[in-house]
Amino acid sequence: MQTPRSTFDSQLIGLSLRAANENSIFLKEVDFRIIEVISENYSYSRGVDREKLVDLSHDYQLHLHGVSLNIAGMDDLDKRTLNELKSLQSETKASYISDHLCWTRHNQRSSFDLLPFPYTRKMIHHLKDRIHQVQDVLGYNFLLENISTYFRFKLDEMDEIDFLIELHESTGVNFLLDLNNLYVNQFNHGIDPYKLINSLPSSAVEFYHLAGYSNQGDFYFDAHDSKVPKSVWDLYRLAIQKFGMHPTIIERDENIPSIQEQISEIHFAKSLIQEIENTTEAIP
């Protein structure tokens, strides 16, 4: 498989902004130029935090990553939330906006979690209308992230691979591909992440997430509390070879180490990309 040639900027491998690393990032003591923030932390804010984010946007590309869009839910999409998100994107000139392919709310009550749904064609039809509503407000750079799951539905008509392919083909939506979530689902459900990567159209992926998982014995948990393991780096390598080199965020939500340790993972990602590029250039 030949890697798509790219003018990828290795500075577009970055971190998610969290309380434990925000001082270093706000002080710009890092050697990357993309950061990810949780959209909901800033969408309705008009105070100091938002002012700091706008200031950061002068030096970094921003990725606004949401956790409550409820794209697969049955409640009407919250138009105020979408408009506030669009306002934040306009103010910060954020390069990417994303949320999760899941549901989070029902009858206006939030689950405070990213919940799965059955992979059916009825769900694709339901999602198609809602994705178009979001795209009309936010624009082409709206992405959906594949989630980790811990059970399957008897109603499933297809596996995750075919569902993502059909959703992309029927709606035009592209994905933030979370390689950790793919690996978690491999263990939990026997889904082949290599088959998924090889099966998705090359145009379907625009962004990557990398993270660590927790082995709970009977299942893997999407913990985001440890270094990116070799199994996820291997999927990242394959994804780059298939989809090309896209902006990448290394996520850590718990047990957040020093900024130097986090940056060491960025350096590893850069070295991996350089290795792939060198191999590609050697192909006659």
C-alpha atoms as a PDB file:
ATOM      1  CA  MET A   1       0.000   0.000   0.000  1.00  0.00           C
ATOM      2  CA  GLN A   2       1.536   3.356  -1.000  1.00  0.00           C
ATOM      3  CA  THR A   3       1.101   6.294   1.342  1.00  0.00           C
ATOM      4  CA  PRO A   4      -0.760   9.230  -0.221  1.00  0.00           C
ATOM      5  CA  ARG A   5       1.780  11.996  -0.723  1.00  0.00           C
ATOM      6  CA  SER A   6       1.198  14.963   1.541  1.00  0.00           C
ATOM      7  CA  THR A   7       2.608  18.296   2.632  1.00  0.00           C
ATOM      8  CA  PHE A   8       1.698  17.417   6.208  1.00  0.00           C
ATOM      9  CA  ASP A   9       3.015  19.766   8.882  1.00  0.00           C
ATOM     10  CA  SER A  10       4.350  17.704  11.777  1.00  0.00           C
ATOM     11  CA  GLN A  11       3.445  20.593  14.081  1.00  0.00           C
ATOM     12  CA  LEU A  12      -0.157  19.443  13.627  1.00  0.00           C
ATOM     13  CA  ILE A  13       0.324  16.625  16.100  1.00  0.00           C
ATOM     14  CA  GLY A  14      -0.815  18.013  19.435  1.00  0.00           C
ATOM     15  CA  LEU A  15      -2.566  17.511  22.741  1.00  0.00           C
ATOM     16  CA  SER A  16      -5.952  17.993  24.313  1.00  0.00           C
ATOM     17  CA  LEU A  17      -6.099  20.967  26.668  1.00  0.00           C
ATOM     18  CA  ARG A  18      -6.695  19.878  30.258  1.00  0.00           C
ATOM     19  CA  ALA A  19      -6.259  21.565  33.640  1.00  0.00           C
ATOM     20  CA  ALA A  20      -2.999  19.692  34.275  1.00  0.00           C
ATOM     21  CA  ASN A  21      -1.297  20.973  31.127  1.00  0.00           C
ATOM     22  CA  GLU A  22      -3.050  24.273  30.451  1.00  0.00           C
ATOM     23  CA  ASN A  23      -0.384  26.473  32.070  1.00  0.00           C
ATOM     24  CA  SER A  24       2.320  25.180  29.741  1.00  0.00           C
ATOM     25  CA  ILE A  25       0.051  25.489  26.725  1.00  0.00           C
ATOM     26  CA  PHE A  26      -1.242  28.940  27.648  1.00  0.00           C
ATOM     27  CA  LEU A  27       2.369  30.028  28.183  1.00  0.00           C
ATOM     28  CA  LYS A  28       3.173  28.539  24.760  1.00  0.00           C
ATOM     29  CA  GLU A  29       6.070  26.484  26.144  1.00  0.00           C
ATOM     30  CA  VAL A  30       5.497  23.679  23.651  1.00  0.00           C
ATOM     31  CA  ASP A  31       6.683  22.758  20.173  1.00  0.00           C
ATOM     32  CA  PHE A  32       3.365  21.915  18.516  1.00  0.00           C
ATOM     33  CA  ARG A  33       0.734  24.108  16.954  1.00  0.00           C
ATOM     34  CA  ILE A  34      -2.589  22.339  17.325  1.00  0.00           C
ATOM     35  CA  ILE A  35      -4.653  21.842  20.464  1.00  0.00           C
ATOM     36  CA  GLU A  36      -8.001  20.265  21.137  1.00  0.00           C
ATOM     37  CA  VAL A  37     -10.536  21.704  23.572  1.00  0.00           C
ATOM     38  CA  ILE A  38     -13.880  20.417  24.782  1.00  0.00           C
ATOM     39  CA  SER A  39     -16.381  22.656  23.000  1.00  0.00           C
ATOM     40  CA  GLU A  40     -18.851  22.758  25.870  1.00  0.00           C
ATOM     41  CA  ASN A  41     -16.232  24.312  28.171  1.00  0.00           C
ATOM     42  CA  TYR A  42     -16.234  27.452  26.032  1.00  0.00           C
ATOM     43  CA  SER A  43     -19.398  27.622  23.927  1.00  0.00           C
ATOM     44  CA  TYR A  44     -21.474  29.555  26.443  1.00  0.00           C
ATOM     45  CA  SER A  45     -18.599  31.334  28.170  1.00  0.00           C
ATOM     46  CA  ARG A  46     -17.977  35.018  27.647  1.00  0.00           C
ATOM     47  CA  GLY A  47     -15.388  35.351  30.399  1.00  0.00           C
ATOM     48  CA  VAL A  48     -11.686  34.948  30.985  1.00  0.00           C
ATOM     49  CA  ASP A  49     -11.502  31.329  29.772  1.00  0.00           C
ATOM     50  CA  ARG A  50     -12.913  32.249  26.398  1.00  0.00           C
ATOM     51  CA  GLU A  51     -10.614  35.242  26.133  1.00  0.00           C
ATOM     52  CA  LYS A  52      -7.647  32.945  26.805  1.00  0.00           C
ATOM     53  CA  LEU A  53      -8.844  30.553  24.105  1.00  0.00           C
ATOM     54  CA  VAL A  54      -9.155  33.371  21.590  1.00  0.00           C
ATOM     55  CA  ASP A  55      -5.626  34.404  22.522  1.00  0.00           C
ATOM     56  CA  LEU A  56      -4.420  30.845  21.943  1.00  0.00           C
ATOM     57  CA  SER A  57      -6.084  30.829  18.541  1.00  0.00           C
ATOM     58  CA  HIS A  58      -3.554  33.410  17.356  1.00  0.00           C
ATOM     59  CA  ASP A  59      -0.749  30.872  17.828  1.00  0.00           C
ATOM     60  CA  TYR A  60      -2.462  27.481  17.489  1.00  0.00           C
ATOM     61  CA  GLN A  61      -4.883  25.753  15.206  1.00  0.00           C
ATOM     62  CA  LEU A  62      -7.855  24.785  17.325  1.00  0.00           C
ATOM     63  CA  HIS A  63      -9.983  21.672  17.259  1.00  0.00           C
ATOM     64  CA  LEU A  64     -13.378  22.094  18.965  1.00  0.00           C
ATOM     65  CA  HIS A  65     -14.342  18.633  20.184  1.00  0.00           C
ATOM     66  CA  GLY A  66     -17.863  18.184  21.564  1.00  0.00           C
ATOM     67  CA  VAL A  67     -19.371  15.612  23.897  1.00  0.00           C
ATOM     68  CA  SER A  68     -23.075  16.469  23.909  1.00  0.00           C
ATOM     69  CA  LEU A  69     -24.336  17.051  20.371  1.00  0.00           C
ATOM     70  CA  ASN A  70     -26.572  13.982  20.665  1.00  0.00           C
ATOM     71  CA  ILE A  71     -26.372  13.353  16.935  1.00  0.00           C
ATOM     72  CA  ALA A  72     -27.945   9.879  17.227  1.00  0.00           C
ATOM     73  CA  GLY A  73     -30.561  10.857  19.803  1.00  0.00           C
ATOM     74  CA  MET A  74     -34.301  11.217  19.327  1.00  0.00           C
ATOM     75  CA  ASP A  75     -34.589  14.705  20.841  1.00  0.00           C
ATOM     76  CA  ASP A  76     -34.496  17.568  18.359  1.00  0.00           C
ATOM     77  CA  LEU A  77     -31.018  18.927  17.843  1.00  0.00           C
ATOM     78  CA  ASP A  78     -30.377  21.917  20.078  1.00  0.00           C
ATOM     79  CA  LYS A  79     -30.177  24.829  17.624  1.00  0.00           C
ATOM     80  CA  ARG A  80     -28.914  27.208  20.285  1.00  0.00           C
ATOM     81  CA  THR A  81     -26.003  24.867  20.995  1.00  0.00           C
ATOM     82  CA  LEU A  82     -25.174  24.704  17.290  1.00  0.00           C
ATOM     83  CA  ASN A  83     -25.331  28.475  16.921  1.00  0.00           C
ATOM     84  CA  GLU A  84     -23.136  29.002  19.987  1.00  0.00           C
ATOM     85  CA  LEU A  85     -20.645  26.500  18.597  1.00  0.00           C
ATOM     86  CA  LYS A  86     -20.623  28.274  15.257  1.00  0.00           C
ATOM     87  CA  SER A  87     -20.036  31.575  17.055  1.00  0.00           C
ATOM     88  CA  LEU A  88     -17.095  30.044  18.950  1.00  0.00           C
ATOM     89  CA  GLN A  89     -15.651  28.658  15.729  1.00  0.00           C
ATOM     90  CA  SER A  90     -15.960  32.049  14.049  1.00  0.00           C
ATOM     91  CA  GLU A  91     -14.338  33.850  16.962  1.00  0.00           C
ATOM     92  CA  THR A  92     -11.430  31.432  17.327  1.00  0.00           C
ATOM     93  CA  LYS A  93     -11.089  30.525  13.633  1.00  0.00           C
ATOM     94  CA  ALA A  94     -11.035  26.879  14.724  1.00  0.00           C
ATOM     95  CA  SER A  95      -9.922  24.624  11.895  1.00  0.00           C
ATOM     96  CA  TYR A  96     -12.007  21.597  12.932  1.00  0.00           C
ATOM     97  CA  ILE A  97     -15.243  20.885  14.772  1.00  0.00           C
ATOM     98  CA  SER A  98     -16.226  17.387  15.843  1.00  0.00           C
ATOM     99  CA  ASP A  99     -18.464  15.376  18.113  1.00  0.00           C
ATOM    100  CA  HIS A 100     -19.163  11.710  18.805  1.00  0.00           C
ATOM    101  CA  LEU A 101     -21.219   9.233  16.812  1.00  0.00           C
ATOM    102  CA  CYS A 102     -23.545   8.403  19.687  1.00  0.00           C
ATOM    103  CA  TRP A 103     -26.491   9.625  21.710  1.00  0.00           C
ATOM    104  CA  THR A 104     -26.170  11.439  25.030  1.00  0.00           C
ATOM    105  CA  ARG A 105     -29.636  12.720  25.917  1.00  0.00           C
ATOM    106  CA  HIS A 106     -33.300  11.677  25.889  1.00  0.00           C
ATOM    107  CA  ASN A 107     -36.370  13.699  26.843  1.00  0.00           C
ATOM    108  CA  GLN A 108     -33.995  16.571  27.605  1.00  0.00           C
ATOM    109  CA  ARG A 109     -32.200  14.552  30.274  1.00  0.00           C
ATOM    110  CA  SER A 110     -28.492  14.052  29.802  1.00  0.00           C
ATOM    111  CA  SER A 111     -26.814  10.708  30.406  1.00  0.00           C
ATOM    112  CA  PHE A 112     -23.412  12.408  30.782  1.00  0.00           C
ATOM    113  CA  ASP A 113     -22.015   9.552  28.715  1.00  0.00           C
ATOM    114  CA  LEU A 114     -21.396   8.571  25.085  1.00  0.00           C
ATOM    115  CA  LEU A 115     -23.975   5.894  24.387  1.00  0.00           C
ATOM    116  CA  PRO A 116     -24.148   3.428  21.469  1.00  0.00           C
ATOM    117  CA  PHE A 117     -27.066   2.620  19.202  1.00  0.00           C
ATOM    118  CA  PRO A 118     -28.005  -0.286  16.908  1.00  0.00           C
ATOM    119  CA  TYR A 119     -26.348  -0.399  13.502  1.00  0.00           C
ATOM    120  CA  THR A 120     -29.433  -0.372  11.288  1.00  0.00           C
ATOM    121  CA  ARG A 121     -30.409   1.329   8.043  1.00  0.00           C
ATOM    122  CA  LYS A 122     -33.184   3.076   9.935  1.00  0.00           C
ATOM    123  CA  MET A 123     -30.477   4.703  12.069  1.00  0.00           C
ATOM    124  CA  ILE A 124     -28.575   5.754   8.964  1.00  0.00           C
ATOM    125  CA  HIS A 125     -31.737   7.425   7.670  1.00  0.00           C
ATOM    126  CA  HIS A 126     -32.224   9.112  11.056  1.00  0.00           C
ATOM    127  CA  LEU A 127     -28.612  10.294  11.169  1.00  0.00           C
ATOM    128  CA  LYS A 128     -28.643  11.539   7.588  1.00  0.00           C
ATOM    129  CA  ASP A 129     -31.175  14.277   8.290  1.00  0.00           C
ATOM    130  CA  ARG A 130     -29.498  15.302  11.533  1.00  0.00           C
ATOM    131  CA  ILE A 131     -25.996  15.367  10.035  1.00  0.00           C
ATOM    132  CA  HIS A 132     -27.232  17.621   7.249  1.00  0.00           C
ATOM    133  CA  GLN A 133     -28.767  19.952   9.834  1.00  0.00           C
ATOM    134  CA  VAL A 134     -25.418  20.226  11.592  1.00  0.00           C
ATOM    135  CA  GLN A 135     -23.492  20.640   8.342  1.00  0.00           C
ATOM    136  CA  ASP A 136     -25.831  23.469   7.306  1.00  0.00           C
ATOM    137  CA  VAL A 137     -24.863  25.390  10.448  1.00  0.00           C
ATOM    138  CA  LEU A 138     -21.237  24.422  11.021  1.00  0.00           C
ATOM    139  CA  GLY A 139     -20.013  23.733   7.512  1.00  0.00           C
ATOM    140  CA  TYR A 140     -17.855  21.144   5.813  1.00  0.00           C
ATOM    141  CA  ASN A 141     -15.325  20.749   8.637  1.00  0.00           C
ATOM    142  CA  PHE A 142     -17.762  18.960  10.960  1.00  0.00           C
ATOM    143  CA  LEU A 143     -16.448  15.472  11.807  1.00  0.00           C
ATOM    144  CA  LEU A 144     -17.836  12.507  13.738  1.00  0.00           C
ATOM    145  CA  GLU A 145     -15.749  10.288  16.004  1.00  0.00           C
ATOM    146  CA  ASN A 146     -16.231   6.524  16.277  1.00  0.00           C
ATOM    147  CA  ILE A 147     -16.813   5.553  19.914  1.00  0.00           C
ATOM    148  CA  SER A 148     -15.779   2.582  22.020  1.00  0.00           C
ATOM    149  CA  THR A 149     -18.651   0.262  23.022  1.00  0.00           C
ATOM    150  CA  TYR A 150     -19.158  -2.502  25.550  1.00  0.00           C
ATOM    151  CA  PHE A 151     -22.153  -4.429  24.222  1.00  0.00           C
ATOM    152  CA  ARG A 152     -23.927  -5.127  20.931  1.00  0.00           C
ATOM    153  CA  PHE A 153     -27.597  -4.899  19.973  1.00  0.00           C
ATOM    154  CA  LYS A 154     -29.782  -7.754  18.783  1.00  0.00           C
ATOM    155  CA  LEU A 155     -31.229  -5.214  16.328  1.00  0.00           C
ATOM    156  CA  ASP A 156     -27.890  -4.780  14.542  1.00  0.00           C
ATOM    157  CA  GLU A 157     -28.223  -5.280  10.785  1.00  0.00           C
ATOM    158  CA  MET A 158     -24.518  -4.751  10.057  1.00  0.00           C
ATOM    159  CA  ASP A 159     -21.207  -4.398  11.825  1.00  0.00           C
ATOM    160  CA  GLU A 160     -19.434  -1.155  12.647  1.00  0.00           C
ATOM    161  CA  ILE A 161     -17.353  -1.319   9.483  1.00  0.00           C
ATOM    162  CA  ASP A 162     -20.296  -1.466   7.074  1.00  0.00           C
ATOM    163  CA  PHE A 163     -22.228   1.084   9.109  1.00  0.00           C
ATOM    164  CA  LEU A 164     -19.465   3.691   8.919  1.00  0.00           C
ATOM    165  CA  ILE A 165     -18.990   3.098   5.196  1.00  0.00           C
ATOM    166  CA  GLU A 166     -22.709   3.432   4.461  1.00  0.00           C
ATOM    167  CA  LEU A 167     -23.021   6.494   6.687  1.00  0.00           C
ATOM    168  CA  HIS A 168     -20.152   8.211   4.873  1.00  0.00           C
ATOM    169  CA  GLU A 169     -21.515   7.330   1.449  1.00  0.00           C
ATOM    170  CA  SER A 170     -25.081   8.428   2.228  1.00  0.00           C
ATOM    171  CA  THR A 171     -24.323  11.657   4.105  1.00  0.00           C
ATOM    172  CA  GLY A 172     -20.866  12.788   2.986  1.00  0.00           C
ATOM    173  CA  VAL A 173     -19.781  13.111   6.615  1.00  0.00           C
ATOM    174  CA  ASN A 174     -16.127  12.392   7.341  1.00  0.00           C
ATOM    175  CA  PHE A 175     -14.617  10.916  10.456  1.00  0.00           C
ATOM    176  CA  LEU A 176     -12.304  11.695  13.276  1.00  0.00           C
ATOM    177  CA  LEU A 177     -10.837   8.225  13.480  1.00  0.00           C
ATOM    178  CA  ASP A 178     -10.055   7.219  17.050  1.00  0.00           C
ATOM    179  CA  LEU A 179      -7.530   4.382  16.779  1.00  0.00           C
ATOM    180  CA  ASN A 180      -7.769   3.551  20.477  1.00  0.00           C
ATOM    181  CA  ASN A 181     -11.527   3.083  20.196  1.00  0.00           C
ATOM    182  CA  LEU A 182     -11.039   0.786  17.218  1.00  0.00           C
ATOM    183  CA  TYR A 183      -8.657  -1.386  19.206  1.00  0.00           C
ATOM    184  CA  VAL A 184     -10.971  -1.465  22.232  1.00  0.00           C
ATOM    185  CA  ASN A 185     -13.850  -2.615  20.031  1.00  0.00           C
ATOM    186  CA  GLN A 186     -11.642  -5.288  18.501  1.00  0.00           C
ATOM    187  CA  PHE A 187     -11.246  -6.927  21.887  1.00  0.00           C
ATOM    188  CA  ASN A 188     -14.787  -6.271  23.109  1.00  0.00           C
ATOM    189  CA  HIS A 189     -16.637  -7.394  19.963  1.00  0.00           C
ATOM    190  CA  GLY A 190     -14.158  -9.114  17.676  1.00  0.00           C
ATOM    191  CA  ILE A 191     -14.267  -6.232  15.190  1.00  0.00           C
ATOM    192  CA  ASP A 192     -11.201  -6.260  12.940  1.00  0.00           C
ATOM    193  CA  PRO A 193      -9.753  -2.709  13.010  1.00  0.00           C
ATOM    194  CA  TYR A 194      -7.394  -3.519  10.134  1.00  0.00           C
ATOM    195  CA  LYS A 195     -10.368  -4.502   7.982  1.00  0.00           C
ATOM    196  CA  LEU A 196     -12.162  -1.283   8.914  1.00  0.00           C
ATOM    197  CA  ILE A 197      -9.183   0.867   7.989  1.00  0.00           C
ATOM    198  CA  ASN A 198      -8.674  -1.000   4.712  1.00  0.00           C
ATOM    199  CA  SER A 199     -12.396  -0.843   3.870  1.00  0.00           C
ATOM    200  CA  LEU A 200     -13.151   2.837   4.516  1.00  0.00           C
ATOM    201  CA  PRO A 201     -12.778   5.130   1.491  1.00  0.00           C
ATOM    202  CA  SER A 202      -9.553   7.117   1.591  1.00  0.00           C
ATOM    203  CA  SER A 203     -11.528  10.374   1.597  1.00  0.00           C
ATOM    204  CA  ALA A 204     -13.538   9.451   4.704  1.00  0.00           C
ATOM    205  CA  VAL A 205     -10.928  10.336   7.365  1.00  0.00           C
ATOM    206  CA  GLU A 206      -9.649  13.826   8.176  1.00  0.00           C
ATOM    207  CA  PHE A 207      -8.378  13.596  11.747  1.00  0.00           C
ATOM    208  CA  TYR A 208      -6.910  11.083  14.218  1.00  0.00           C
ATOM    209  CA  HIS A 209      -7.139  10.460  17.945  1.00  0.00           C
ATOM    210  CA  LEU A 210      -4.588   8.408  19.857  1.00  0.00           C
ATOM    211  CA  ALA A 211      -4.978   7.314  23.477  1.00  0.00           C
ATOM    212  CA  GLY A 212      -4.461   4.462  25.905  1.00  0.00           C
ATOM    213  CA  TYR A 213      -6.953   1.880  27.121  1.00  0.00           C
ATOM    214  CA  SER A 214      -7.367  -0.118  30.332  1.00  0.00           C
ATOM    215  CA  ASN A 215      -7.469  -3.927  30.366  1.00  0.00           C
ATOM    216  CA  GLN A 216     -10.317  -4.934  32.693  1.00  0.00           C
ATOM    217  CA  GLY A 217      -9.909  -8.657  32.043  1.00  0.00           C
ATOM    218  CA  ASP A 218     -13.230  -9.419  30.368  1.00  0.00           C
ATOM    219  CA  PHE A 219     -13.194  -6.193  28.382  1.00  0.00           C
ATOM    220  CA  TYR A 220     -11.049  -3.230  27.416  1.00  0.00           C
ATOM    221  CA  PHE A 221     -12.069   0.192  28.681  1.00  0.00           C
ATOM    222  CA  ASP A 222     -11.500   3.443  26.821  1.00  0.00           C
ATOM    223  CA  ALA A 223      -9.716   4.998  29.798  1.00  0.00           C
ATOM    224  CA  HIS A 224      -7.484   7.697  28.268  1.00  0.00           C
ATOM    225  CA  ASP A 225      -5.318   7.386  31.356  1.00  0.00           C
ATOM    226  CA  SER A 226      -2.048   5.991  30.024  1.00  0.00           C
ATOM    227  CA  LYS A 227       0.477   6.192  27.229  1.00  0.00           C
ATOM    228  CA  VAL A 228      -0.506   5.207  23.721  1.00  0.00           C
ATOM    229  CA  PRO A 229       0.260   1.452  23.511  1.00  0.00           C
ATOM    230  CA  LYS A 230       2.077  -0.264  20.659  1.00  0.00           C
ATOM    231  CA  SER A 231      -1.177  -1.810  19.410  1.00  0.00           C
ATOM    232  CA  VAL A 232      -2.630   1.657  18.819  1.00  0.00           C
ATOM    233  CA  TRP A 233       0.589   2.988  17.262  1.00  0.00           C
ATOM    234  CA  ASP A 234       0.430   0.054  14.820  1.00  0.00           C
ATOM    235  CA  LEU A 235      -3.113   1.064  13.802  1.00  0.00           C
ATOM    236  CA  TYR A 236      -1.955   4.669  13.415  1.00  0.00           C
ATOM    237  CA  ARG A 237       0.790   3.548  11.056  1.00  0.00           C
ATOM    238  CA  LEU A 238      -1.705   1.644   8.911  1.00  0.00           C
ATOM    239  CA  ALA A 239      -4.176   4.545   8.966  1.00  0.00           C
ATOM    240  CA  ILE A 240      -1.507   6.942   7.717  1.00  0.00           C
ATOM    241  CA  GLN A 241      -0.617   4.545   4.927  1.00  0.00           C
ATOM    242  CA  LYS A 242      -4.286   4.324   3.888  1.00  0.00           C
ATOM    243  CA  PHE A 243      -5.715   7.794   4.562  1.00  0.00           C
ATOM    244  CA  GLY A 244      -2.645   9.988   4.552  1.00  0.00           C
ATOM    245  CA  MET A 245      -1.240  12.187   7.300  1.00  0.00           C
ATOM    246  CA  HIS A 246      -3.888  14.285   9.034  1.00  0.00           C
ATOM    247  CA  PRO A 247      -3.941  16.370  12.221  1.00  0.00           C
ATOM    248  CA  THR A 248      -3.572  14.155  15.273  1.00  0.00           C
ATOM    249  CA  ILE A 249      -4.416  14.671  18.931  1.00  0.00           C
ATOM    250  CA  ILE A 250      -2.927  12.502  21.670  1.00  0.00           C
ATOM    251  CA  GLU A 251      -5.587  12.427  24.381  1.00  0.00           C
ATOM    252  CA  ARG A 252      -5.087  12.031  28.112  1.00  0.00           C
ATOM    253  CA  ASP A 253      -7.976  12.612  30.519  1.00  0.00           C
ATOM    254  CA  GLU A 254      -6.679  10.973  33.711  1.00  0.00           C
ATOM    255  CA  ASN A 255      -3.217  10.453  35.238  1.00  0.00           C
ATOM    256  CA  ILE A 256      -1.976  13.348  33.149  1.00  0.00           C
ATOM    257  CA  PRO A 257       1.837  13.376  33.249  1.00  0.00           C
ATOM    258  CA  SER A 258       4.237  16.274  32.839  1.00  0.00           C
ATOM    259  CA  ILE A 259       4.081  18.227  29.619  1.00  0.00           C
ATOM    260  CA  GLN A 260       7.555  16.847  28.769  1.00  0.00           C
ATOM    261  CA  GLU A 261       6.277  13.263  28.910  1.00  0.00           C
ATOM    262  CA  GLN A 262       3.282  14.159  26.776  1.00  0.00           C
ATOM    263  CA  ILE A 263       5.513  15.845  24.232  1.00  0.00           C
ATOM    264  CA  SER A 264       7.683  12.718  24.081  1.00  0.00           C
ATOM    265  CA  GLU A 265       4.679  10.914  22.574  1.00  0.00           C
ATOM    266  CA  ILE A 266       4.345  13.687  20.005  1.00  0.00           C
ATOM    267  CA  HIS A 267       7.990  13.201  19.096  1.00  0.00           C
ATOM    268  CA  PHE A 268       7.398   9.469  18.707  1.00  0.00           C
ATOM    269  CA  ALA A 269       4.472  10.158  16.359  1.00  0.00           C
ATOM    270  CA  LYS A 270       6.641  12.504  14.315  1.00  0.00           C
ATOM    271  CA  SER A 271       9.396   9.910  14.040  1.00  0.00           C
ATOM    272  CA  LEU A 272       6.863   7.302  12.927  1.00  0.00           C
ATOM    273  CA  ILE A 273       5.561   9.637  10.219  1.00  0.00           C
ATOM    274  CA  GLN A 274       9.096  10.424   9.078  1.00  0.00           C
ATOM    275  CA  GLU A 275       9.832   6.716   8.847  1.00  0.00           C
ATOM    276  CA  ILE A 276       6.732   6.181   6.687  1.00  0.00           C
ATOM    277  CA  GLU A 277       7.618   9.137   4.467  1.00  0.00           C
ATOM    278  CA  ASN A 278      11.157   7.851   3.984  1.00  0.00           C
ATOM    279  CA  THR A 279       9.849   4.409   3.065  1.00  0.00           C
ATOM    280  CA  THR A 280       7.399   5.922   0.583  1.00  0.00           C
ATOM    281  CA  GLU A 281      10.077   8.031  -1.048  1.00  0.00           C
ATOM    282  CA  ALA A 282      12.170   4.898  -1.517  1.00  0.00           C
ATOM    283  CA  ILE A 283       9.399   3.237  -3.577  1.00  0.00           C
ATOM    284  CA  PRO A 284      10.327   3.628  -7.270  1.00  0.00           C
END
